[in-house]
Amino acid sequence: MSVKIKFLGHATFLLTTPGGRTVLIDPWVMNNPLCPDEDKNIDSLDTLLITHGHDDHFQDAIAIAKQHSPAIGCIYEIGLFLGNKGIENCQPMSKGGGQRINDIHVVMTDARHSSSLVEDGKIWDGGEAAGFVITFEDGQVFYHAGDTSIFAGMELIAELYRPELVMLPIGDLFTMGPKEAAHACKLLKPKRVIPMHYDTFPVLTGTPEEFKERVADLDLEVITLDPGQTYTS
């Protein structure tokens, strides 16, 4: 059994679980400039996880939800917004809480970032930004940090859930840069890390090369994926 991780660019990942379920994290697909054209149409989807409401993580949520009717894990305020748009199957939650969504178990963690939803020039409350700890059918545990700075609670995430693989932003400016993400790895103690949220826009200056240099002294595998590339765990 294995988990297949397809990187769609920025912070968007399409996962295939050991049981054959599909999980999309942060639905920025059709409008994502880094997502390859051949991956912009998702064939099927069981579960959708949303870390926060900014367009570069949420923009295609409604279209994808209407197309596939997945079960949706998100913070309460985003669930309200989606419900008002006629989206069913929302399973709202909040930080510190966990639930089973289809065949995976999901815990919503803290993330230090903002969240809002923009519609027709009006800003709606997006609750708070979050991350997810995901436990798969075979017992593997992943942590998608969402958009965040480094924070001391990452040490508690490591202690409580022991994620083997983590997905961390490294782009700087709006999230951690390579320096902070490298120190986050010391707190989280994963075996593998996939850097994300870099290179999408010129202002995101953090690079995988600098990140690799900063974690060179750690017992850690850095998995750098090009958009469209798949890694099997």
C-alpha atoms as a PDB file:
ATOM      1  CA  MET A   1       0.000   0.000   0.000  1.00  0.00           C
ATOM      2  CA  SER A   2       1.184   3.529  -0.701  1.00  0.00           C
ATOM      3  CA  VAL A   3       0.135   7.160  -0.960  1.00  0.00           C
ATOM      4  CA  LYS A   4       0.614   8.870  -4.317  1.00  0.00           C
ATOM      5  CA  ILE A   5       1.298  12.600  -4.102  1.00  0.00           C
ATOM      6  CA  LYS A   6       0.857  14.690  -7.233  1.00  0.00           C
ATOM      7  CA  PHE A   7       2.046  18.279  -6.926  1.00  0.00           C
ATOM      8  CA  LEU A   8      -0.135  20.688  -8.901  1.00  0.00           C
ATOM      9  CA  GLY A   9       1.917  23.788  -8.136  1.00  0.00           C
ATOM     10  CA  HIS A  10       2.049  26.371  -5.333  1.00  0.00           C
ATOM     11  CA  ALA A  11       0.444  24.602  -2.317  1.00  0.00           C
ATOM     12  CA  THR A  12      -1.988  22.326  -4.167  1.00  0.00           C
ATOM     13  CA  PHE A  13      -1.620  18.546  -3.961  1.00  0.00           C
ATOM     14  CA  LEU A  14      -3.733  15.691  -5.306  1.00  0.00           C
ATOM     15  CA  LEU A  15      -3.295  12.575  -3.187  1.00  0.00           C
ATOM     16  CA  THR A  16      -4.365   9.018  -3.920  1.00  0.00           C
ATOM     17  CA  THR A  17      -4.741   7.021  -0.725  1.00  0.00           C
ATOM     18  CA  PRO A  18      -3.811   3.349  -0.225  1.00  0.00           C
ATOM     19  CA  GLY A  19      -7.524   2.534  -0.534  1.00  0.00           C
ATOM     20  CA  GLY A  20      -7.818   4.349  -3.862  1.00  0.00           C
ATOM     21  CA  ARG A  21      -9.541   7.486  -2.554  1.00  0.00           C
ATOM     22  CA  THR A  22      -8.584  10.876  -4.013  1.00  0.00           C
ATOM     23  CA  VAL A  23      -7.862  13.876  -1.783  1.00  0.00           C
ATOM     24  CA  LEU A  24      -7.239  17.412  -3.041  1.00  0.00           C
ATOM     25  CA  ILE A  25      -5.553  19.904  -0.712  1.00  0.00           C
ATOM     26  CA  ASP A  26      -6.154  23.586  -1.511  1.00  0.00           C
ATOM     27  CA  PRO A  27      -8.222  23.774  -4.699  1.00  0.00           C
ATOM     28  CA  TRP A  28      -6.286  26.187  -6.874  1.00  0.00           C
ATOM     29  CA  VAL A  29      -6.201  24.157 -10.063  1.00  0.00           C
ATOM     30  CA  MET A  30      -7.811  25.599 -13.197  1.00  0.00           C
ATOM     31  CA  ASN A  31      -6.556  29.128 -12.440  1.00  0.00           C
ATOM     32  CA  ASN A  32      -3.189  28.055 -11.063  1.00  0.00           C
ATOM     33  CA  PRO A  33      -0.494  29.279 -13.500  1.00  0.00           C
ATOM     34  CA  LEU A  34       1.875  26.490 -12.437  1.00  0.00           C
ATOM     35  CA  CYS A  35      -0.598  23.642 -12.838  1.00  0.00           C
ATOM     36  CA  PRO A  36       0.061  21.778 -16.106  1.00  0.00           C
ATOM     37  CA  ASP A  37      -2.805  21.945 -18.605  1.00  0.00           C
ATOM     38  CA  GLU A  38      -3.228  18.168 -18.553  1.00  0.00           C
ATOM     39  CA  ASP A  39      -3.848  18.272 -14.773  1.00  0.00           C
ATOM     40  CA  LYS A  40      -6.359  21.123 -14.712  1.00  0.00           C
ATOM     41  CA  ASN A  41      -9.288  18.722 -15.152  1.00  0.00           C
ATOM     42  CA  ILE A  42      -9.563  16.366 -12.187  1.00  0.00           C
ATOM     43  CA  ASP A  43     -11.285  13.133 -13.193  1.00  0.00           C
ATOM     44  CA  SER A  44     -12.779  12.272  -9.806  1.00  0.00           C
ATOM     45  CA  LEU A  45     -12.515  13.496  -6.233  1.00  0.00           C
ATOM     46  CA  ASP A  46     -13.608  12.030  -2.902  1.00  0.00           C
ATOM     47  CA  THR A  47     -12.251  14.540  -0.394  1.00  0.00           C
ATOM     48  CA  LEU A  48     -11.377  18.238  -0.501  1.00  0.00           C
ATOM     49  CA  LEU A  49      -9.330  19.924   2.242  1.00  0.00           C
ATOM     50  CA  ILE A  50      -9.075  23.727   2.388  1.00  0.00           C
ATOM     51  CA  THR A  51      -6.456  25.442   4.567  1.00  0.00           C
ATOM     52  CA  HIS A  52      -7.782  29.007   4.158  1.00  0.00           C
ATOM     53  CA  GLY A  53      -9.741  31.334   1.911  1.00  0.00           C
ATOM     54  CA  HIS A  54      -7.139  33.226  -0.122  1.00  0.00           C
ATOM     55  CA  ASP A  55      -7.576  32.856  -3.876  1.00  0.00           C
ATOM     56  CA  ASP A  56      -4.269  31.060  -4.394  1.00  0.00           C
ATOM     57  CA  HIS A  57      -5.635  28.224  -2.218  1.00  0.00           C
ATOM     58  CA  PHE A  58      -9.406  28.461  -2.660  1.00  0.00           C
ATOM     59  CA  GLN A  59     -10.264  30.040  -6.019  1.00  0.00           C
ATOM     60  CA  ASP A  60     -11.533  26.876  -7.720  1.00  0.00           C
ATOM     61  CA  ALA A  61     -13.248  25.364  -4.673  1.00  0.00           C
ATOM     62  CA  ILE A  62     -16.828  26.041  -5.749  1.00  0.00           C
ATOM     63  CA  ALA A  63     -16.350  24.812  -9.321  1.00  0.00           C
ATOM     64  CA  ILE A  64     -14.598  21.633  -8.185  1.00  0.00           C
ATOM     65  CA  ALA A  65     -17.139  20.980  -5.427  1.00  0.00           C
ATOM     66  CA  LYS A  66     -20.040  21.347  -7.854  1.00  0.00           C
ATOM     67  CA  GLN A  67     -18.376  19.011 -10.339  1.00  0.00           C
ATOM     68  CA  HIS A  68     -17.425  16.194  -7.949  1.00  0.00           C
ATOM     69  CA  SER A  69     -19.455  16.653  -4.713  1.00  0.00           C
ATOM     70  CA  PRO A  70     -16.522  15.664  -2.480  1.00  0.00           C
ATOM     71  CA  ALA A  71     -16.659  15.626   1.311  1.00  0.00           C
ATOM     72  CA  ILE A  72     -15.054  18.938   2.336  1.00  0.00           C
ATOM     73  CA  GLY A  73     -12.889  19.523   5.394  1.00  0.00           C
ATOM     74  CA  CYS A  74     -12.529  23.221   6.209  1.00  0.00           C
ATOM     75  CA  ILE A  75     -12.842  25.725   9.020  1.00  0.00           C
ATOM     76  CA  TYR A  76     -16.380  26.637  10.119  1.00  0.00           C
ATOM     77  CA  GLU A  77     -16.568  30.054   8.384  1.00  0.00           C
ATOM     78  CA  ILE A  78     -15.514  28.667   5.020  1.00  0.00           C
ATOM     79  CA  GLY A  79     -18.100  25.919   5.459  1.00  0.00           C
ATOM     80  CA  LEU A  80     -20.776  28.592   5.957  1.00  0.00           C
ATOM     81  CA  PHE A  81     -19.625  30.435   2.827  1.00  0.00           C
ATOM     82  CA  LEU A  82     -19.714  27.269   0.733  1.00  0.00           C
ATOM     83  CA  GLY A  83     -23.108  26.273   2.141  1.00  0.00           C
ATOM     84  CA  ASN A  84     -24.521  29.629   1.104  1.00  0.00           C
ATOM     85  CA  LYS A  85     -23.338  28.841  -2.423  1.00  0.00           C
ATOM     86  CA  GLY A  86     -25.289  25.612  -2.452  1.00  0.00           C
ATOM     87  CA  ILE A  87     -22.302  23.379  -1.784  1.00  0.00           C
ATOM     88  CA  GLU A  88     -23.218  20.250   0.140  1.00  0.00           C
ATOM     89  CA  ASN A  89     -21.073  17.689   1.953  1.00  0.00           C
ATOM     90  CA  CYS A  90     -19.150  20.249   4.027  1.00  0.00           C
ATOM     91  CA  GLN A  91     -17.749  18.820   7.248  1.00  0.00           C
ATOM     92  CA  PRO A  92     -16.631  21.985   9.087  1.00  0.00           C
ATOM     93  CA  MET A  93     -14.142  21.780  11.917  1.00  0.00           C
ATOM     94  CA  SER A  94     -11.784  23.981  13.868  1.00  0.00           C
ATOM     95  CA  LYS A  95      -8.259  23.936  15.211  1.00  0.00           C
ATOM     96  CA  GLY A  96      -7.439  21.089  17.542  1.00  0.00           C
ATOM     97  CA  GLY A  97     -10.381  19.048  16.321  1.00  0.00           C
ATOM     98  CA  GLY A  98     -10.224  15.851  14.318  1.00  0.00           C
ATOM     99  CA  GLN A  99     -12.657  13.811  12.288  1.00  0.00           C
ATOM    100  CA  ARG A 100     -12.850  10.988   9.794  1.00  0.00           C
ATOM    101  CA  ILE A 101     -13.549  12.162   6.259  1.00  0.00           C
ATOM    102  CA  ASN A 102     -14.198   9.169   4.042  1.00  0.00           C
ATOM    103  CA  ASP A 103     -11.298   6.801   4.743  1.00  0.00           C
ATOM    104  CA  ILE A 104      -8.775   9.262   6.215  1.00  0.00           C
ATOM    105  CA  HIS A 105      -8.556  10.882   9.622  1.00  0.00           C
ATOM    106  CA  VAL A 106      -7.927  14.634   9.606  1.00  0.00           C
ATOM    107  CA  VAL A 107      -6.841  16.917  12.444  1.00  0.00           C
ATOM    108  CA  MET A 108      -6.940  20.681  11.888  1.00  0.00           C
ATOM    109  CA  THR A 109      -3.851  22.403  13.269  1.00  0.00           C
ATOM    110  CA  ASP A 110      -2.855  25.976  13.867  1.00  0.00           C
ATOM    111  CA  ALA A 111      -1.270  28.096  11.129  1.00  0.00           C
ATOM    112  CA  ARG A 112      -0.036  31.654  11.558  1.00  0.00           C
ATOM    113  CA  HIS A 113      -1.535  33.498   8.617  1.00  0.00           C
ATOM    114  CA  SER A 114      -4.681  35.410   7.666  1.00  0.00           C
ATOM    115  CA  SER A 115      -7.767  34.172   5.822  1.00  0.00           C
ATOM    116  CA  SER A 116     -10.479  35.936   3.856  1.00  0.00           C
ATOM    117  CA  LEU A 117     -12.847  35.302   0.968  1.00  0.00           C
ATOM    118  CA  VAL A 118     -13.317  37.824  -1.830  1.00  0.00           C
ATOM    119  CA  GLU A 119     -16.456  37.905  -3.964  1.00  0.00           C
ATOM    120  CA  ASP A 120     -17.389  40.723  -6.346  1.00  0.00           C
ATOM    121  CA  GLY A 121     -14.979  43.042  -4.593  1.00  0.00           C
ATOM    122  CA  LYS A 122     -16.435  42.327  -1.144  1.00  0.00           C
ATOM    123  CA  ILE A 123     -14.349  40.671   1.570  1.00  0.00           C
ATOM    124  CA  TRP A 124     -15.958  37.927   3.659  1.00  0.00           C
ATOM    125  CA  ASP A 125     -14.732  36.385   6.896  1.00  0.00           C
ATOM    126  CA  GLY A 126     -12.648  33.297   6.155  1.00  0.00           C
ATOM    127  CA  GLY A 127     -12.149  32.314   9.764  1.00  0.00           C
ATOM    128  CA  GLU A 128      -8.503  31.524  10.460  1.00  0.00           C
ATOM    129  CA  ALA A 129      -5.830  29.857   8.384  1.00  0.00           C
ATOM    130  CA  ALA A 130      -5.051  26.271   9.327  1.00  0.00           C
ATOM    131  CA  GLY A 131      -2.984  23.223   8.535  1.00  0.00           C
ATOM    132  CA  PHE A 132      -3.913  19.530   8.409  1.00  0.00           C
ATOM    133  CA  VAL A 133      -2.486  16.352   9.880  1.00  0.00           C
ATOM    134  CA  ILE A 134      -3.731  13.454   7.759  1.00  0.00           C
ATOM    135  CA  THR A 135      -3.623   9.795   8.790  1.00  0.00           C
ATOM    136  CA  PHE A 136      -4.122   7.367   5.911  1.00  0.00           C
ATOM    137  CA  GLU A 137      -5.560   3.854   5.842  1.00  0.00           C
ATOM    138  CA  ASP A 138      -2.096   2.297   6.119  1.00  0.00           C
ATOM    139  CA  GLY A 139      -1.133   4.414   9.143  1.00  0.00           C
ATOM    140  CA  GLN A 140       1.093   6.918   7.329  1.00  0.00           C
ATOM    141  CA  VAL A 141       0.833  10.445   8.729  1.00  0.00           C
ATOM    142  CA  PHE A 142       1.357  13.604   6.635  1.00  0.00           C
ATOM    143  CA  TYR A 143       1.289  17.232   7.730  1.00  0.00           C
ATOM    144  CA  HIS A 144       0.330  19.990   5.267  1.00  0.00           C
ATOM    145  CA  ALA A 145       1.229  23.201   7.096  1.00  0.00           C
ATOM    146  CA  GLY A 146      -0.821  25.546   4.928  1.00  0.00           C
ATOM    147  CA  ASP A 147       0.418  29.130   4.751  1.00  0.00           C
ATOM    148  CA  THR A 148       2.224  29.837   7.991  1.00  0.00           C
ATOM    149  CA  SER A 149       5.155  31.268   9.840  1.00  0.00           C
ATOM    150  CA  ILE A 150       7.154  29.017  12.094  1.00  0.00           C
ATOM    151  CA  PHE A 151       5.527  28.612  15.510  1.00  0.00           C
ATOM    152  CA  ALA A 152       6.463  26.746  18.667  1.00  0.00           C
ATOM    153  CA  GLY A 153       3.368  24.547  18.442  1.00  0.00           C
ATOM    154  CA  MET A 154       5.018  22.608  15.630  1.00  0.00           C
ATOM    155  CA  GLU A 155       6.909  20.776  18.362  1.00  0.00           C
ATOM    156  CA  LEU A 156       3.559  19.652  19.803  1.00  0.00           C
ATOM    157  CA  ILE A 157       2.436  18.486  16.352  1.00  0.00           C
ATOM    158  CA  ALA A 158       5.548  16.318  16.232  1.00  0.00           C
ATOM    159  CA  GLU A 159       4.964  14.984  19.742  1.00  0.00           C
ATOM    160  CA  LEU A 160       1.274  14.207  19.237  1.00  0.00           C
ATOM    161  CA  TYR A 161       1.123  12.957  15.651  1.00  0.00           C
ATOM    162  CA  ARG A 162       4.704  12.158  14.528  1.00  0.00           C
ATOM    163  CA  PRO A 163       4.197  12.992  10.820  1.00  0.00           C
ATOM    164  CA  GLU A 164       6.690  11.158   8.614  1.00  0.00           C
ATOM    165  CA  LEU A 165       6.205  13.540   5.706  1.00  0.00           C
ATOM    166  CA  VAL A 166       5.548  17.282   5.895  1.00  0.00           C
ATOM    167  CA  MET A 167       4.691  19.887   3.268  1.00  0.00           C
ATOM    168  CA  LEU A 168       6.135  23.264   4.233  1.00  0.00           C
ATOM    169  CA  PRO A 169       6.004  26.699   2.577  1.00  0.00           C
ATOM    170  CA  ILE A 170       9.426  28.186   1.820  1.00  0.00           C
ATOM    171  CA  GLY A 171       8.651  31.162  -0.439  1.00  0.00           C
ATOM    172  CA  ASP A 172       9.110  33.936   2.182  1.00  0.00           C
ATOM    173  CA  LEU A 173       7.223  37.265   2.370  1.00  0.00           C
ATOM    174  CA  PHE A 174       3.749  35.763   3.027  1.00  0.00           C
ATOM    175  CA  THR A 175       4.979  32.564   4.726  1.00  0.00           C
ATOM    176  CA  MET A 176       8.150  31.059   6.088  1.00  0.00           C
ATOM    177  CA  GLY A 177      11.289  31.401   4.029  1.00  0.00           C
ATOM    178  CA  PRO A 178      13.998  28.735   3.794  1.00  0.00           C
ATOM    179  CA  LYS A 179      15.631  29.768   7.087  1.00  0.00           C
ATOM    180  CA  GLU A 180      12.409  29.486   9.079  1.00  0.00           C
ATOM    181  CA  ALA A 181      11.251  26.339   7.279  1.00  0.00           C
ATOM    182  CA  ALA A 182      14.585  24.670   8.034  1.00  0.00           C
ATOM    183  CA  HIS A 183      14.141  25.402  11.734  1.00  0.00           C
ATOM    184  CA  ALA A 184      10.552  24.119  11.512  1.00  0.00           C
ATOM    185  CA  CYS A 185      12.005  20.793  10.408  1.00  0.00           C
ATOM    186  CA  LYS A 186      14.005  20.680  13.645  1.00  0.00           C
ATOM    187  CA  LEU A 187      10.749  21.053  15.575  1.00  0.00           C
ATOM    188  CA  LEU A 188       8.707  18.626  13.456  1.00  0.00           C
ATOM    189  CA  LYS A 189      11.421  15.959  13.043  1.00  0.00           C
ATOM    190  CA  PRO A 190       9.976  14.418   9.846  1.00  0.00           C
ATOM    191  CA  LYS A 191      11.723  11.839   7.693  1.00  0.00           C
ATOM    192  CA  ARG A 192      10.745  13.633   4.484  1.00  0.00           C
ATOM    193  CA  VAL A 193       9.725  17.155   3.512  1.00  0.00           C
ATOM    194  CA  ILE A 194       8.182  18.581   0.343  1.00  0.00           C
ATOM    195  CA  PRO A 195       8.786  22.335  -0.057  1.00  0.00           C
ATOM    196  CA  MET A 196       5.853  24.334  -1.450  1.00  0.00           C
ATOM    197  CA  HIS A 197       4.516  27.864  -1.928  1.00  0.00           C
ATOM    198  CA  TYR A 198       7.514  29.198  -3.864  1.00  0.00           C
ATOM    199  CA  ASP A 199       8.294  30.372  -7.401  1.00  0.00           C
ATOM    200  CA  THR A 200       4.638  31.076  -8.283  1.00  0.00           C
ATOM    201  CA  PHE A 201       5.143  34.836  -8.233  1.00  0.00           C
ATOM    202  CA  PRO A 202       8.385  36.879  -8.388  1.00  0.00           C
ATOM    203  CA  VAL A 203       7.890  38.104  -4.793  1.00  0.00           C
ATOM    204  CA  LEU A 204       8.209  34.538  -3.491  1.00  0.00           C
ATOM    205  CA  THR A 205      11.986  34.484  -3.423  1.00  0.00           C
ATOM    206  CA  GLY A 206      12.696  31.427  -1.270  1.00  0.00           C
ATOM    207  CA  THR A 207      14.193  28.524  -3.216  1.00  0.00           C
ATOM    208  CA  PRO A 208      14.477  24.759  -2.705  1.00  0.00           C
ATOM    209  CA  GLU A 209      18.232  25.067  -3.203  1.00  0.00           C
ATOM    210  CA  GLU A 210      18.631  27.385  -0.217  1.00  0.00           C
ATOM    211  CA  PHE A 211      16.273  25.239   1.838  1.00  0.00           C
ATOM    212  CA  LYS A 212      18.308  22.107   1.063  1.00  0.00           C
ATOM    213  CA  GLU A 213      21.495  23.854   2.135  1.00  0.00           C
ATOM    214  CA  ARG A 214      19.921  24.854   5.445  1.00  0.00           C
ATOM    215  CA  VAL A 215      18.752  21.306   6.279  1.00  0.00           C
ATOM    216  CA  ALA A 216      21.884  19.562   5.054  1.00  0.00           C
ATOM    217  CA  ASP A 217      22.895  18.641   8.608  1.00  0.00           C
ATOM    218  CA  LEU A 218      19.551  16.990   9.366  1.00  0.00           C
ATOM    219  CA  ASP A 219      18.611  13.369   8.761  1.00  0.00           C
ATOM    220  CA  LEU A 220      15.982  14.445   6.270  1.00  0.00           C
ATOM    221  CA  GLU A 221      15.009  13.700   2.672  1.00  0.00           C
ATOM    222  CA  VAL A 222      13.991  16.795   0.716  1.00  0.00           C
ATOM    223  CA  ILE A 223      11.592  15.928  -2.098  1.00  0.00           C
ATOM    224  CA  THR A 224      11.396  18.707  -4.677  1.00  0.00           C
ATOM    225  CA  LEU A 225       8.553  18.180  -7.118  1.00  0.00           C
ATOM    226  CA  ASP A 226       7.891  19.975 -10.373  1.00  0.00           C
ATOM    227  CA  PRO A 227       4.215  20.767 -11.022  1.00  0.00           C
ATOM    228  CA  GLY A 228       2.581  17.636 -12.423  1.00  0.00           C
ATOM    229  CA  GLN A 229       5.181  15.328 -10.905  1.00  0.00           C
ATOM    230  CA  THR A 230       4.137  12.432  -8.637  1.00  0.00           C
ATOM    231  CA  TYR A 231       5.926  10.998  -5.617  1.00  0.00           C
ATOM    232  CA  THR A 232       4.925   7.682  -4.064  1.00  0.00           C
ATOM    233  CA  SER A 233       5.286   7.287  -0.324  1.00  0.00           C
END
